[in-house]
N, C-alpha and C. Protein backbone atom coordinates (compact mmCIF):
# COMPACT_ATOMS: atom_id res chain seq x y z
N UNK A 1 0.84 -1.20 0.00
CA UNK A 1 0.00 0.00 0.00
C UNK A 1 0.87 1.25 0.00
N UNK A 2 0.54 2.20 -0.86
CA UNK A 2 1.28 3.46 -0.91
C UNK A 2 0.97 4.31 0.32
N UNK A 3 1.94 5.14 0.71
CA UNK A 3 1.73 6.00 1.88
C UNK A 3 0.54 6.91 1.65
N UNK A 4 0.32 7.33 0.41
CA UNK A 4 -0.81 8.22 0.12
C UNK A 4 -2.16 7.54 0.39
N UNK A 5 -2.15 6.20 0.50
CA UNK A 5 -3.38 5.47 0.81
C UNK A 5 -3.56 5.25 2.31
N UNK A 6 -2.55 5.59 3.09
CA UNK A 6 -2.64 5.42 4.54
C UNK A 6 -3.57 6.47 5.13
N UNK A 7 -4.09 6.22 6.34
CA UNK A 7 -4.83 7.28 7.06
C UNK A 7 -3.91 8.48 7.28
N UNK A 8 -4.47 9.67 7.24
CA UNK A 8 -3.66 10.88 7.38
C UNK A 8 -2.79 10.85 8.63
N UNK A 9 -3.34 10.35 9.74
CA UNK A 9 -2.61 10.36 11.02
C UNK A 9 -1.42 9.43 11.03
N UNK A 10 -1.35 8.51 10.04
CA UNK A 10 -0.25 7.54 10.00
C UNK A 10 0.86 7.94 9.04
N UNK A 11 0.63 8.94 8.20
CA UNK A 11 1.61 9.33 7.21
C UNK A 11 2.76 10.11 7.86
N UNK A 12 4.01 9.74 7.55
CA UNK A 12 5.15 10.39 8.22
C UNK A 12 5.16 11.91 8.12
N UNK A 13 4.94 12.46 6.92
CA UNK A 13 5.01 13.91 6.77
C UNK A 13 3.93 14.61 7.58
N UNK A 14 2.71 14.07 7.55
CA UNK A 14 1.62 14.68 8.30
C UNK A 14 1.85 14.56 9.80
N UNK A 15 2.40 13.42 10.24
CA UNK A 15 2.71 13.26 11.67
C UNK A 15 3.80 14.23 12.09
N UNK A 16 4.79 14.44 11.23
CA UNK A 16 5.86 15.40 11.54
C UNK A 16 5.27 16.80 11.73
N UNK A 17 4.35 17.18 10.86
CA UNK A 17 3.76 18.51 10.93
C UNK A 17 2.85 18.68 12.14
N UNK A 18 2.18 17.61 12.52
CA UNK A 18 1.24 17.71 13.64
C UNK A 18 1.89 17.48 15.00
N UNK A 19 2.89 16.57 15.05
CA UNK A 19 3.46 16.18 16.35
C UNK A 19 4.95 16.46 16.48
N UNK A 20 5.59 16.93 15.40
CA UNK A 20 7.00 17.24 15.46
C UNK A 20 7.87 16.07 15.00
N UNK A 21 9.12 16.33 14.60
CA UNK A 21 9.99 15.28 14.07
C UNK A 21 10.34 14.20 15.07
N UNK A 22 10.33 14.52 16.36
CA UNK A 22 10.71 13.51 17.36
C UNK A 22 9.67 12.41 17.49
N UNK A 23 8.49 12.63 16.94
CA UNK A 23 7.45 11.61 17.00
C UNK A 23 7.66 10.52 15.95
N UNK A 24 8.59 10.74 15.02
CA UNK A 24 8.82 9.80 13.93
C UNK A 24 9.97 8.86 14.24
N UNK A 25 9.86 7.64 13.74
CA UNK A 25 10.96 6.67 13.83
C UNK A 25 12.03 7.03 12.81
N UNK A 26 13.17 6.37 12.89
CA UNK A 26 14.23 6.60 11.91
C UNK A 26 13.74 6.32 10.49
N UNK A 27 13.01 5.22 10.33
CA UNK A 27 12.51 4.86 9.01
C UNK A 27 11.50 5.89 8.50
N UNK A 28 10.68 6.42 9.41
CA UNK A 28 9.71 7.46 9.03
C UNK A 28 10.43 8.70 8.53
N UNK A 29 11.47 9.11 9.25
CA UNK A 29 12.22 10.31 8.85
C UNK A 29 12.87 10.11 7.49
N UNK A 30 13.43 8.92 7.27
CA UNK A 30 14.02 8.63 5.96
C UNK A 30 12.96 8.70 4.87
N UNK A 31 11.76 8.24 5.18
CA UNK A 31 10.68 8.25 4.20
C UNK A 31 10.33 9.68 3.77
N UNK A 32 10.43 10.63 4.71
CA UNK A 32 10.15 12.03 4.37
C UNK A 32 11.14 12.50 3.31
N UNK A 33 12.41 12.10 3.43
CA UNK A 33 13.43 12.48 2.44
C UNK A 33 13.26 11.71 1.14
N UNK A 34 13.01 10.41 1.24
CA UNK A 34 12.92 9.58 0.05
C UNK A 34 11.67 9.89 -0.77
N UNK A 35 10.59 10.29 -0.09
CA UNK A 35 9.33 10.71 -0.70
C UNK A 35 8.55 9.57 -1.33
N UNK A 36 9.18 8.77 -2.16
CA UNK A 36 8.46 7.70 -2.85
C UNK A 36 9.17 6.36 -2.66
N UNK A 37 8.39 5.30 -2.72
CA UNK A 37 8.95 3.97 -2.66
C UNK A 37 9.01 3.36 -4.05
N UNK A 38 8.91 2.05 -4.09
CA UNK A 38 8.88 1.33 -5.37
C UNK A 38 7.71 0.36 -5.33
N UNK A 39 7.47 -0.32 -6.42
CA UNK A 39 6.35 -1.26 -6.48
C UNK A 39 6.46 -2.28 -5.35
N UNK A 40 5.43 -2.34 -4.54
CA UNK A 40 5.41 -3.31 -3.44
C UNK A 40 6.05 -2.83 -2.17
N UNK A 41 6.69 -1.64 -2.19
CA UNK A 41 7.35 -1.11 -0.99
C UNK A 41 7.09 0.39 -0.87
N UNK A 42 6.64 0.78 0.30
CA UNK A 42 6.46 2.21 0.56
C UNK A 42 7.81 2.83 0.90
N UNK A 43 7.86 4.15 0.98
CA UNK A 43 9.10 4.83 1.38
C UNK A 43 9.51 4.45 2.79
N UNK A 44 8.53 4.17 3.65
CA UNK A 44 8.85 3.72 5.03
C UNK A 44 9.47 2.34 4.99
N UNK A 45 8.92 1.45 4.15
CA UNK A 45 9.52 0.11 3.99
C UNK A 45 10.96 0.23 3.51
N UNK A 46 11.20 1.13 2.57
CA UNK A 46 12.56 1.33 2.07
C UNK A 46 13.46 1.86 3.16
N UNK A 47 12.92 2.77 4.00
CA UNK A 47 13.71 3.30 5.11
C UNK A 47 14.13 2.19 6.06
N UNK A 48 13.20 1.30 6.40
CA UNK A 48 13.51 0.17 7.28
C UNK A 48 14.57 -0.73 6.65
N UNK A 49 14.41 -1.00 5.33
CA UNK A 49 15.35 -1.87 4.63
C UNK A 49 16.75 -1.27 4.61
N UNK A 50 16.84 0.04 4.40
CA UNK A 50 18.14 0.70 4.35
C UNK A 50 18.85 0.62 5.70
N UNK A 51 18.09 0.88 6.77
CA UNK A 51 18.69 0.84 8.11
C UNK A 51 19.15 -0.58 8.44
N UNK A 52 18.32 -1.57 8.10
CA UNK A 52 18.70 -2.97 8.37
C UNK A 52 19.91 -3.37 7.56
N UNK A 53 19.97 -2.93 6.32
CA UNK A 53 21.07 -3.34 5.44
C UNK A 53 22.40 -2.74 5.88
N UNK A 54 22.39 -1.45 6.27
CA UNK A 54 23.65 -0.78 6.62
C UNK A 54 23.93 -0.80 8.12
N UNK A 55 22.96 -1.20 8.93
CA UNK A 55 23.21 -1.39 10.36
C UNK A 55 22.95 -0.19 11.24
N UNK A 56 23.00 1.00 10.68
CA UNK A 56 22.78 2.21 11.47
C UNK A 56 22.60 3.39 10.52
N UNK A 57 22.04 4.46 11.04
CA UNK A 57 21.91 5.69 10.25
C UNK A 57 23.28 6.22 9.85
N UNK A 58 24.23 6.14 10.77
CA UNK A 58 25.58 6.63 10.48
C UNK A 58 26.20 5.89 9.30
N UNK A 59 26.08 4.56 9.33
CA UNK A 59 26.63 3.77 8.23
C UNK A 59 25.90 4.05 6.92
N UNK A 60 24.61 4.29 7.02
CA UNK A 60 23.82 4.59 5.82
C UNK A 60 24.28 5.90 5.18
N UNK A 61 24.42 6.94 5.99
CA UNK A 61 24.80 8.24 5.44
C UNK A 61 26.26 8.26 4.99
N UNK A 62 27.06 7.37 5.55
CA UNK A 62 28.46 7.29 5.14
C UNK A 62 28.68 6.40 3.92
N UNK A 63 27.65 5.67 3.53
CA UNK A 63 27.79 4.71 2.43
C UNK A 63 28.03 5.44 1.11
N UNK A 64 28.95 4.93 0.29
CA UNK A 64 29.17 5.53 -1.04
C UNK A 64 27.99 5.25 -1.96
N UNK A 65 27.91 6.03 -3.01
CA UNK A 65 26.81 5.89 -3.99
C UNK A 65 26.73 4.47 -4.52
N UNK A 66 27.86 3.86 -4.80
CA UNK A 66 27.87 2.51 -5.37
C UNK A 66 27.15 1.52 -4.45
N UNK A 67 27.41 1.61 -3.15
CA UNK A 67 26.77 0.69 -2.21
C UNK A 67 25.28 0.99 -2.07
N UNK A 68 24.94 2.27 -2.03
CA UNK A 68 23.54 2.65 -1.87
C UNK A 68 22.72 2.26 -3.10
N UNK A 69 23.34 2.33 -4.26
CA UNK A 69 22.65 1.98 -5.50
C UNK A 69 22.35 0.49 -5.59
N UNK A 70 22.94 -0.29 -4.70
CA UNK A 70 22.65 -1.72 -4.67
C UNK A 70 21.29 -2.04 -4.08
N UNK A 71 20.62 -1.02 -3.51
CA UNK A 71 19.28 -1.20 -2.95
C UNK A 71 18.27 -0.77 -4.00
N UNK A 72 17.30 -1.62 -4.27
CA UNK A 72 16.29 -1.31 -5.28
C UNK A 72 15.57 -0.01 -4.94
N UNK A 73 15.48 0.87 -5.93
CA UNK A 73 14.80 2.15 -5.73
C UNK A 73 15.71 3.28 -5.33
N UNK A 74 16.97 2.96 -5.03
CA UNK A 74 17.94 3.99 -4.66
C UNK A 74 18.86 4.27 -5.85
N UNK A 75 19.24 5.51 -5.99
CA UNK A 75 20.11 5.90 -7.09
C UNK A 75 20.70 7.26 -6.81
N UNK A 76 21.31 7.88 -7.81
CA UNK A 76 21.99 9.17 -7.60
C UNK A 76 21.10 10.26 -7.02
N UNK A 77 19.85 10.34 -7.44
CA UNK A 77 18.96 11.41 -6.97
C UNK A 77 18.70 11.30 -5.48
N UNK A 78 18.39 10.09 -5.00
CA UNK A 78 18.09 9.92 -3.58
C UNK A 78 19.38 9.96 -2.75
N UNK A 79 20.46 9.48 -3.33
CA UNK A 79 21.75 9.62 -2.65
C UNK A 79 22.07 11.09 -2.44
N UNK A 80 21.82 11.92 -3.45
CA UNK A 80 22.09 13.36 -3.34
C UNK A 80 21.24 14.00 -2.25
N UNK A 81 19.99 13.56 -2.12
CA UNK A 81 19.11 14.10 -1.09
C UNK A 81 19.66 13.80 0.30
N UNK A 82 20.10 12.56 0.52
CA UNK A 82 20.64 12.18 1.83
C UNK A 82 21.93 12.93 2.13
N UNK A 83 22.79 13.09 1.13
CA UNK A 83 24.04 13.82 1.34
C UNK A 83 23.78 15.30 1.61
N UNK A 84 22.77 15.86 0.94
CA UNK A 84 22.42 17.26 1.18
C UNK A 84 21.94 17.45 2.62
N UNK A 85 21.15 16.50 3.12
CA UNK A 85 20.67 16.58 4.50
C UNK A 85 21.84 16.52 5.48
N UNK A 86 22.80 15.64 5.20
CA UNK A 86 23.97 15.51 6.05
C UNK A 86 24.78 16.81 6.06
N UNK A 87 24.98 17.40 4.89
CA UNK A 87 25.76 18.63 4.79
C UNK A 87 25.05 19.80 5.46
N UNK A 88 23.74 19.86 5.38
CA UNK A 88 23.00 20.92 6.07
C UNK A 88 23.21 20.83 7.58
N UNK A 89 23.21 19.59 8.12
CA UNK A 89 23.48 19.41 9.53
C UNK A 89 24.87 19.89 9.91
N UNK A 90 25.86 19.57 9.06
CA UNK A 90 27.23 20.01 9.32
C UNK A 90 27.33 21.53 9.30
N UNK A 91 26.66 22.16 8.34
CA UNK A 91 26.72 23.62 8.25
C UNK A 91 25.99 24.29 9.41
N UNK A 92 24.95 23.64 9.91
CA UNK A 92 24.25 24.17 11.08
C UNK A 92 25.18 24.20 12.28
N UNK A 93 25.95 23.09 12.47
CA UNK A 93 26.92 23.06 13.56
C UNK A 93 27.98 24.15 13.38
N UNK A 94 28.44 24.34 12.15
CA UNK A 94 29.45 25.37 11.88
C UNK A 94 28.90 26.76 12.19
N UNK A 95 27.64 26.99 11.86
CA UNK A 95 27.00 28.27 12.15
C UNK A 95 26.91 28.49 13.65
N UNK A 96 26.54 27.44 14.39
CA UNK A 96 26.46 27.54 15.85
C UNK A 96 27.82 27.90 16.45
N UNK A 97 28.88 27.28 15.92
CA UNK A 97 30.21 27.51 16.46
C UNK A 97 30.69 28.94 16.20
N UNK A 98 30.19 29.56 15.16
CA UNK A 98 30.63 30.93 14.84
C UNK A 98 29.92 31.98 15.68
N UNK A 99 28.88 31.55 16.43
CA UNK A 99 28.08 32.52 17.19
C UNK A 99 28.56 32.72 18.62
N UNK A 100 29.30 31.78 19.16
CA UNK A 100 29.69 31.90 20.57
C UNK A 100 31.01 31.21 20.86
N UNK A 101 31.38 31.16 22.12
CA UNK A 101 32.63 30.57 22.58
C UNK A 101 32.59 29.06 22.37
N UNK A 102 33.39 28.57 21.41
CA UNK A 102 33.34 27.14 21.10
C UNK A 102 33.86 26.30 22.26
N UNK A 103 34.70 26.89 23.11
CA UNK A 103 35.24 26.13 24.24
C UNK A 103 34.17 25.83 25.27
N UNK A 104 33.05 26.57 25.19
CA UNK A 104 31.93 26.31 26.08
C UNK A 104 30.95 25.30 25.48
N UNK A 105 31.24 24.84 24.27
CA UNK A 105 30.35 23.89 23.58
C UNK A 105 31.13 22.70 23.03
N UNK A 106 31.81 21.95 23.91
CA UNK A 106 32.64 20.84 23.42
C UNK A 106 31.86 19.79 22.66
N UNK A 107 30.60 19.54 23.05
CA UNK A 107 29.80 18.53 22.35
C UNK A 107 29.49 18.98 20.92
N UNK A 108 29.25 20.29 20.76
CA UNK A 108 28.97 20.82 19.42
C UNK A 108 30.21 20.70 18.54
N UNK A 109 31.38 20.96 19.12
CA UNK A 109 32.64 20.81 18.38
C UNK A 109 32.82 19.37 17.95
N UNK A 110 32.58 18.43 18.86
CA UNK A 110 32.71 17.01 18.54
C UNK A 110 31.76 16.61 17.41
N UNK A 111 30.51 17.05 17.53
CA UNK A 111 29.52 16.70 16.51
C UNK A 111 29.93 17.25 15.15
N UNK A 112 30.41 18.48 15.14
CA UNK A 112 30.83 19.10 13.88
C UNK A 112 31.99 18.33 13.26
N UNK A 113 32.98 17.98 14.08
CA UNK A 113 34.16 17.28 13.56
C UNK A 113 33.82 15.87 13.12
N UNK A 114 32.95 15.19 13.87
CA UNK A 114 32.55 13.84 13.46
C UNK A 114 31.83 13.90 12.11
N UNK A 115 30.94 14.89 11.96
CA UNK A 115 30.21 15.02 10.70
C UNK A 115 31.15 15.37 9.56
N UNK A 116 32.16 16.17 9.84
CA UNK A 116 33.07 16.65 8.79
C UNK A 116 34.11 15.62 8.39
N UNK A 117 34.59 14.80 9.35
CA UNK A 117 35.75 13.96 9.07
C UNK A 117 35.47 12.46 9.01
N UNK A 118 34.34 12.02 9.52
CA UNK A 118 34.17 10.57 9.64
C UNK A 118 34.04 9.87 8.31
N UNK A 119 33.67 10.59 7.24
CA UNK A 119 33.51 9.94 5.94
C UNK A 119 34.83 9.80 5.18
N UNK A 120 35.85 10.53 5.61
CA UNK A 120 37.11 10.52 4.87
C UNK A 120 37.73 9.13 4.87
N UNK A 121 38.11 8.67 3.69
CA UNK A 121 38.71 7.34 3.57
C UNK A 121 40.19 7.35 3.93
N UNK A 122 40.83 8.51 3.85
CA UNK A 122 42.24 8.67 4.22
C UNK A 122 42.34 9.64 5.39
N UNK A 123 43.45 9.56 6.09
CA UNK A 123 43.64 10.50 7.19
C UNK A 123 43.63 11.93 6.65
N UNK A 124 42.84 12.75 7.30
CA UNK A 124 42.69 14.15 6.91
C UNK A 124 42.95 15.03 8.12
N UNK A 125 43.81 16.02 7.95
CA UNK A 125 44.17 16.93 9.04
C UNK A 125 43.45 18.26 8.81
N UNK A 126 42.71 18.71 9.81
CA UNK A 126 41.91 19.93 9.69
C UNK A 126 42.18 20.86 10.85
N UNK A 127 41.84 22.12 10.65
CA UNK A 127 42.04 23.14 11.68
C UNK A 127 40.79 24.01 11.79
N UNK A 128 40.35 24.23 13.03
CA UNK A 128 39.33 25.23 13.32
C UNK A 128 40.06 26.47 13.82
N UNK A 129 39.87 27.59 13.14
CA UNK A 129 40.53 28.84 13.50
C UNK A 129 39.57 29.68 14.34
N UNK A 130 40.06 30.18 15.49
CA UNK A 130 39.21 30.90 16.43
C UNK A 130 39.70 32.33 16.62
N UNK A 131 38.74 33.23 16.91
CA UNK A 131 39.13 34.61 17.21
C UNK A 131 39.43 34.76 18.70
N UNK A 132 39.63 35.98 19.16
CA UNK A 132 40.01 36.21 20.56
C UNK A 132 38.90 35.83 21.53
N UNK A 133 37.67 35.74 21.03
CA UNK A 133 36.54 35.34 21.87
C UNK A 133 36.17 33.88 21.65
N UNK A 134 37.08 33.16 21.02
CA UNK A 134 36.92 31.72 20.78
C UNK A 134 35.72 31.40 19.88
N UNK A 135 35.37 32.33 19.00
CA UNK A 135 34.35 32.07 18.00
C UNK A 135 35.02 31.55 16.72
N UNK A 136 34.31 30.72 16.01
CA UNK A 136 34.88 30.10 14.82
C UNK A 136 35.03 31.12 13.70
N UNK A 137 36.27 31.27 13.23
CA UNK A 137 36.55 32.11 12.07
C UNK A 137 36.46 31.31 10.78
N UNK A 138 36.80 30.05 10.86
CA UNK A 138 36.76 29.20 9.67
C UNK A 138 37.27 27.82 9.97
N UNK A 139 36.96 26.92 9.07
CA UNK A 139 37.38 25.51 9.17
C UNK A 139 38.05 25.14 7.85
N UNK A 140 39.21 24.49 7.95
CA UNK A 140 39.92 24.13 6.73
C UNK A 140 40.55 22.75 6.87
N UNK A 141 40.30 21.91 5.87
CA UNK A 141 40.98 20.61 5.79
C UNK A 141 42.26 20.84 5.01
N UNK A 142 43.41 20.76 5.69
CA UNK A 142 44.65 21.25 5.13
C UNK A 142 45.54 20.17 4.52
N UNK A 143 45.52 18.97 5.08
CA UNK A 143 46.43 17.92 4.59
C UNK A 143 45.70 16.58 4.55
N UNK A 144 46.11 15.73 3.60
CA UNK A 144 45.53 14.41 3.48
C UNK A 144 46.62 13.37 3.31
N UNK A 145 46.33 12.15 3.75
CA UNK A 145 47.31 11.08 3.67
C UNK A 145 47.73 10.67 5.07
N UNK A 146 48.73 9.82 5.16
CA UNK A 146 49.25 9.41 6.47
C UNK A 146 49.86 10.62 7.15
N UNK A 147 49.39 10.89 8.38
CA UNK A 147 49.82 12.12 9.05
C UNK A 147 51.10 11.88 9.85
N UNK A 148 52.14 12.53 9.45
CA UNK A 148 53.39 12.54 10.17
C UNK A 148 53.89 13.96 10.18
N UNK A 149 54.96 14.21 10.89
CA UNK A 149 55.53 15.56 10.91
C UNK A 149 56.02 15.96 9.52
N UNK A 150 56.28 14.96 8.67
CA UNK A 150 56.76 15.26 7.32
C UNK A 150 55.63 15.68 6.39
N UNK A 151 54.41 15.15 6.62
CA UNK A 151 53.31 15.43 5.70
C UNK A 151 52.40 16.56 6.17
N UNK A 152 52.47 16.93 7.44
CA UNK A 152 51.75 18.10 7.95
C UNK A 152 52.79 19.18 8.19
N UNK A 153 52.67 20.26 7.44
CA UNK A 153 53.70 21.29 7.47
C UNK A 153 53.33 22.40 8.45
N UNK A 154 54.02 22.48 9.60
CA UNK A 154 53.71 23.51 10.59
C UNK A 154 53.72 24.92 9.99
N UNK A 155 54.63 25.17 9.04
CA UNK A 155 54.70 26.50 8.44
C UNK A 155 53.38 26.87 7.77
N UNK A 156 52.75 25.90 7.10
CA UNK A 156 51.49 26.17 6.41
C UNK A 156 50.36 26.42 7.40
N UNK A 157 50.38 25.71 8.52
CA UNK A 157 49.37 25.93 9.55
C UNK A 157 49.53 27.33 10.15
N UNK A 158 50.78 27.73 10.40
CA UNK A 158 51.05 29.07 10.93
C UNK A 158 50.59 30.13 9.94
N UNK A 159 50.92 29.94 8.66
CA UNK A 159 50.52 30.90 7.63
C UNK A 159 49.00 31.04 7.56
N UNK A 160 48.29 29.93 7.65
CA UNK A 160 46.83 29.97 7.59
C UNK A 160 46.24 30.67 8.80
N UNK A 161 46.84 30.45 9.98
CA UNK A 161 46.36 31.11 11.19
C UNK A 161 46.58 32.62 11.11
N UNK A 162 47.74 33.04 10.61
CA UNK A 162 48.03 34.47 10.48
C UNK A 162 47.12 35.11 9.43
N UNK A 163 46.86 34.40 8.35
CA UNK A 163 46.00 34.95 7.29
C UNK A 163 44.59 35.22 7.79
N UNK A 164 44.14 34.43 8.76
CA UNK A 164 42.79 34.60 9.31
C UNK A 164 42.79 35.46 10.57
N UNK A 165 44.00 35.93 10.96
CA UNK A 165 44.14 36.71 12.19
C UNK A 165 43.58 35.92 13.39
N UNK A 166 43.89 34.64 13.42
CA UNK A 166 43.38 33.76 14.47
C UNK A 166 44.15 33.95 15.77
N UNK A 167 43.42 33.87 16.88
CA UNK A 167 44.05 33.93 18.20
C UNK A 167 44.24 32.53 18.78
N UNK A 168 43.52 31.57 18.22
CA UNK A 168 43.65 30.20 18.70
C UNK A 168 43.18 29.22 17.64
N UNK A 169 43.51 27.96 17.84
CA UNK A 169 43.10 26.91 16.91
C UNK A 169 42.70 25.66 17.68
N UNK A 170 41.87 24.87 17.03
CA UNK A 170 41.60 23.50 17.47
C UNK A 170 42.02 22.61 16.31
N UNK A 171 42.93 21.70 16.56
CA UNK A 171 43.42 20.78 15.54
C UNK A 171 42.54 19.53 15.53
N UNK A 172 42.48 18.89 14.38
CA UNK A 172 41.68 17.66 14.30
C UNK A 172 42.16 16.80 13.15
N UNK A 173 42.07 15.51 13.33
CA UNK A 173 42.25 14.59 12.21
C UNK A 173 41.49 13.31 12.50
N UNK A 174 41.34 12.50 11.49
CA UNK A 174 40.58 11.26 11.64
C UNK A 174 41.50 10.05 11.58
N UNK A 175 41.01 8.96 12.14
CA UNK A 175 41.66 7.66 12.04
C UNK A 175 40.70 6.71 11.34
N UNK A 176 40.86 6.48 10.05
CA UNK A 176 39.96 5.56 9.34
C UNK A 176 39.93 4.15 9.93
N UNK A 177 40.97 3.80 10.68
CA UNK A 177 41.04 2.47 11.29
C UNK A 177 39.95 2.25 12.32
N UNK A 178 39.39 3.36 12.86
CA UNK A 178 38.35 3.25 13.88
C UNK A 178 38.88 3.36 15.30
N UNK A 179 40.20 3.41 15.48
CA UNK A 179 40.81 3.55 16.80
C UNK A 179 41.14 5.02 17.04
N UNK A 180 40.48 5.62 18.01
CA UNK A 180 40.65 7.06 18.26
C UNK A 180 41.88 7.39 19.10
N UNK A 181 42.54 6.40 19.65
CA UNK A 181 43.69 6.69 20.51
C UNK A 181 44.86 7.26 19.71
N UNK A 182 45.56 8.25 20.27
CA UNK A 182 46.67 8.88 19.53
C UNK A 182 47.89 7.98 19.45
N UNK A 183 48.56 8.07 18.32
CA UNK A 183 49.82 7.35 18.15
C UNK A 183 50.96 8.22 18.67
N UNK A 184 52.14 7.63 18.74
CA UNK A 184 53.32 8.41 19.12
C UNK A 184 53.53 9.57 18.16
N UNK A 185 53.29 9.31 16.86
CA UNK A 185 53.44 10.37 15.84
C UNK A 185 52.42 11.48 16.05
N UNK A 186 51.20 11.12 16.45
CA UNK A 186 50.17 12.13 16.71
C UNK A 186 50.59 13.05 17.85
N UNK A 187 51.13 12.46 18.90
CA UNK A 187 51.55 13.24 20.07
C UNK A 187 52.72 14.16 19.70
N UNK A 188 53.67 13.62 18.93
CA UNK A 188 54.83 14.42 18.54
C UNK A 188 54.42 15.57 17.61
N UNK A 189 53.52 15.28 16.68
CA UNK A 189 53.04 16.31 15.76
C UNK A 189 52.35 17.43 16.51
N UNK A 190 51.55 17.07 17.49
CA UNK A 190 50.82 18.08 18.27
C UNK A 190 51.79 19.01 18.99
N UNK A 191 52.82 18.45 19.58
CA UNK A 191 53.82 19.27 20.29
C UNK A 191 54.54 20.20 19.31
N UNK A 192 54.86 19.68 18.13
CA UNK A 192 55.54 20.50 17.13
C UNK A 192 54.68 21.68 16.69
N UNK A 193 53.40 21.41 16.45
CA UNK A 193 52.49 22.47 16.04
C UNK A 193 52.26 23.47 17.16
N UNK A 194 52.19 22.97 18.39
CA UNK A 194 52.03 23.85 19.54
C UNK A 194 53.19 24.85 19.61
N UNK A 195 54.39 24.36 19.47
CA UNK A 195 55.58 25.23 19.56
C UNK A 195 55.61 26.23 18.40
N UNK A 196 55.27 25.78 17.20
CA UNK A 196 55.31 26.66 16.03
C UNK A 196 54.27 27.78 16.16
N UNK A 197 53.07 27.43 16.61
CA UNK A 197 52.01 28.43 16.73
C UNK A 197 52.23 29.36 17.92
N UNK A 198 52.90 28.84 18.93
CA UNK A 198 53.21 29.66 20.11
C UNK A 198 54.10 30.84 19.73
N UNK A 199 54.95 30.66 18.73
CA UNK A 199 55.87 31.72 18.30
C UNK A 199 55.13 32.93 17.73
N UNK A 200 53.89 32.71 17.24
CA UNK A 200 53.10 33.83 16.70
C UNK A 200 51.88 34.11 17.59
N UNK A 201 51.97 33.68 18.85
CA UNK A 201 50.91 33.95 19.84
C UNK A 201 49.56 33.36 19.45
N UNK A 202 49.57 32.18 18.87
CA UNK A 202 48.33 31.47 18.57
C UNK A 202 48.27 30.24 19.47
N UNK A 203 47.21 30.13 20.23
CA UNK A 203 47.10 29.06 21.22
C UNK A 203 46.41 27.83 20.63
N UNK A 204 46.97 26.66 20.88
CA UNK A 204 46.33 25.40 20.51
C UNK A 204 45.45 24.98 21.69
N UNK A 205 44.15 25.07 21.50
CA UNK A 205 43.21 24.77 22.58
C UNK A 205 42.96 23.27 22.73
N UNK A 206 43.01 22.55 21.61
CA UNK A 206 42.74 21.12 21.68
C UNK A 206 43.14 20.47 20.35
N UNK A 207 43.20 19.16 20.39
CA UNK A 207 43.41 18.36 19.18
C UNK A 207 42.49 17.16 19.31
N UNK A 208 41.59 16.99 18.34
CA UNK A 208 40.66 15.88 18.36
C UNK A 208 41.05 14.84 17.32
N UNK A 209 40.90 13.57 17.70
CA UNK A 209 41.03 12.48 16.74
C UNK A 209 39.65 11.86 16.59
N UNK A 210 39.13 11.90 15.37
CA UNK A 210 37.80 11.36 15.08
C UNK A 210 37.97 9.95 14.53
N UNK A 211 37.24 9.01 15.13
CA UNK A 211 37.29 7.62 14.66
C UNK A 211 35.95 6.97 14.96
N UNK A 212 35.26 6.52 13.92
CA UNK A 212 33.95 5.91 14.12
C UNK A 212 33.02 6.89 14.81
N UNK A 213 32.42 6.44 15.90
CA UNK A 213 31.50 7.29 16.65
C UNK A 213 32.20 8.11 17.72
N UNK A 214 33.51 7.92 17.88
CA UNK A 214 34.23 8.58 18.96
C UNK A 214 35.08 9.74 18.49
N UNK A 215 35.47 10.55 19.46
CA UNK A 215 36.38 11.66 19.19
C UNK A 215 37.24 11.86 20.43
N UNK A 216 38.52 11.58 20.31
CA UNK A 216 39.48 11.67 21.42
C UNK A 216 39.96 13.11 21.54
N UNK A 217 39.87 13.67 22.75
CA UNK A 217 40.33 15.03 23.02
C UNK A 217 41.67 15.01 23.73
N UNK A 218 42.68 15.62 23.11
CA UNK A 218 43.99 15.70 23.77
C UNK A 218 43.89 16.50 25.06
N UNK A 219 43.13 17.57 25.05
CA UNK A 219 43.01 18.42 26.23
C UNK A 219 42.40 17.66 27.40
N UNK A 220 41.33 16.93 27.13
CA UNK A 220 40.66 16.20 28.20
C UNK A 220 41.53 15.08 28.79
N UNK A 221 42.45 14.57 27.98
CA UNK A 221 43.32 13.50 28.45
C UNK A 221 44.68 13.99 28.92
N UNK A 222 44.83 15.31 29.00
CA UNK A 222 46.08 15.88 29.51
C UNK A 222 47.25 15.75 28.56
N UNK A 223 46.98 15.67 27.26
CA UNK A 223 48.06 15.49 26.29
C UNK A 223 48.56 16.81 25.69
N UNK A 224 48.00 17.92 26.13
CA UNK A 224 48.46 19.22 25.64
C UNK A 224 49.28 19.93 26.72
C-alpha cells in the first residue's frame, strides 16, 4: 500500500507537521526524504530496509553511492538528497560555532568534527581557527594522507592562522582504522604544532582524533 493510501494520522510527513519530528521513527524520517517507494514497498519500507542493510543511520549516510545503489529504488537522486541533508546538519553546527565561545560547547565541536571527518577514507588533518573570543573564524581541511611531521607542514598551519588573524586553533584529524587513541606520531606532531604556533601567539586549545562514533580530546586526556 502506498503511503498516500494510509490514514492521514499515519503518514510520516503529516505526523511530523502535527506532532514534530521527534514523533517519527528513523525509518519514518528517511521516508520524508525519500518521498516515494517502489512497487510493493512504501518509502517507510525502504527506510527500514536501508537501516537494516547498513546497520545504522551513520553507516547509511556514510555509504558511497555505489553501495547505496545496490538497494532497489535507490540511485543518484536519492543519494544526493541524503548527502544534502547531512551537509545541512554540518553547516548548522558550523554556524552555531561561529556565534559563541566554542570552548563552552565541546559537544557541538565534537559533533561538527565527526560530521566533517568521519567519511574521509584517508587521514585528513583539519584546523578550526578561532578569534580572541573563541568564535569560529573558519574551518579548513589542510592535509591528506598518512599524518606525520613530514606530511603536515607547521609553516602552512602558521601561515593559515596568520592569514585569518586567528588567536587560537583547534586541531583535528581522523583515524579511518576506527581507533581514536593517539599514536606516538600524533603526540609528537601536536607538540611540534604547539611550539610553532606559540611563536606567533596562537594558542592550541585542543586536538581531536575522530574515529567511528568517537572523538578523542587531547586536552581532556592531559596530552596538551
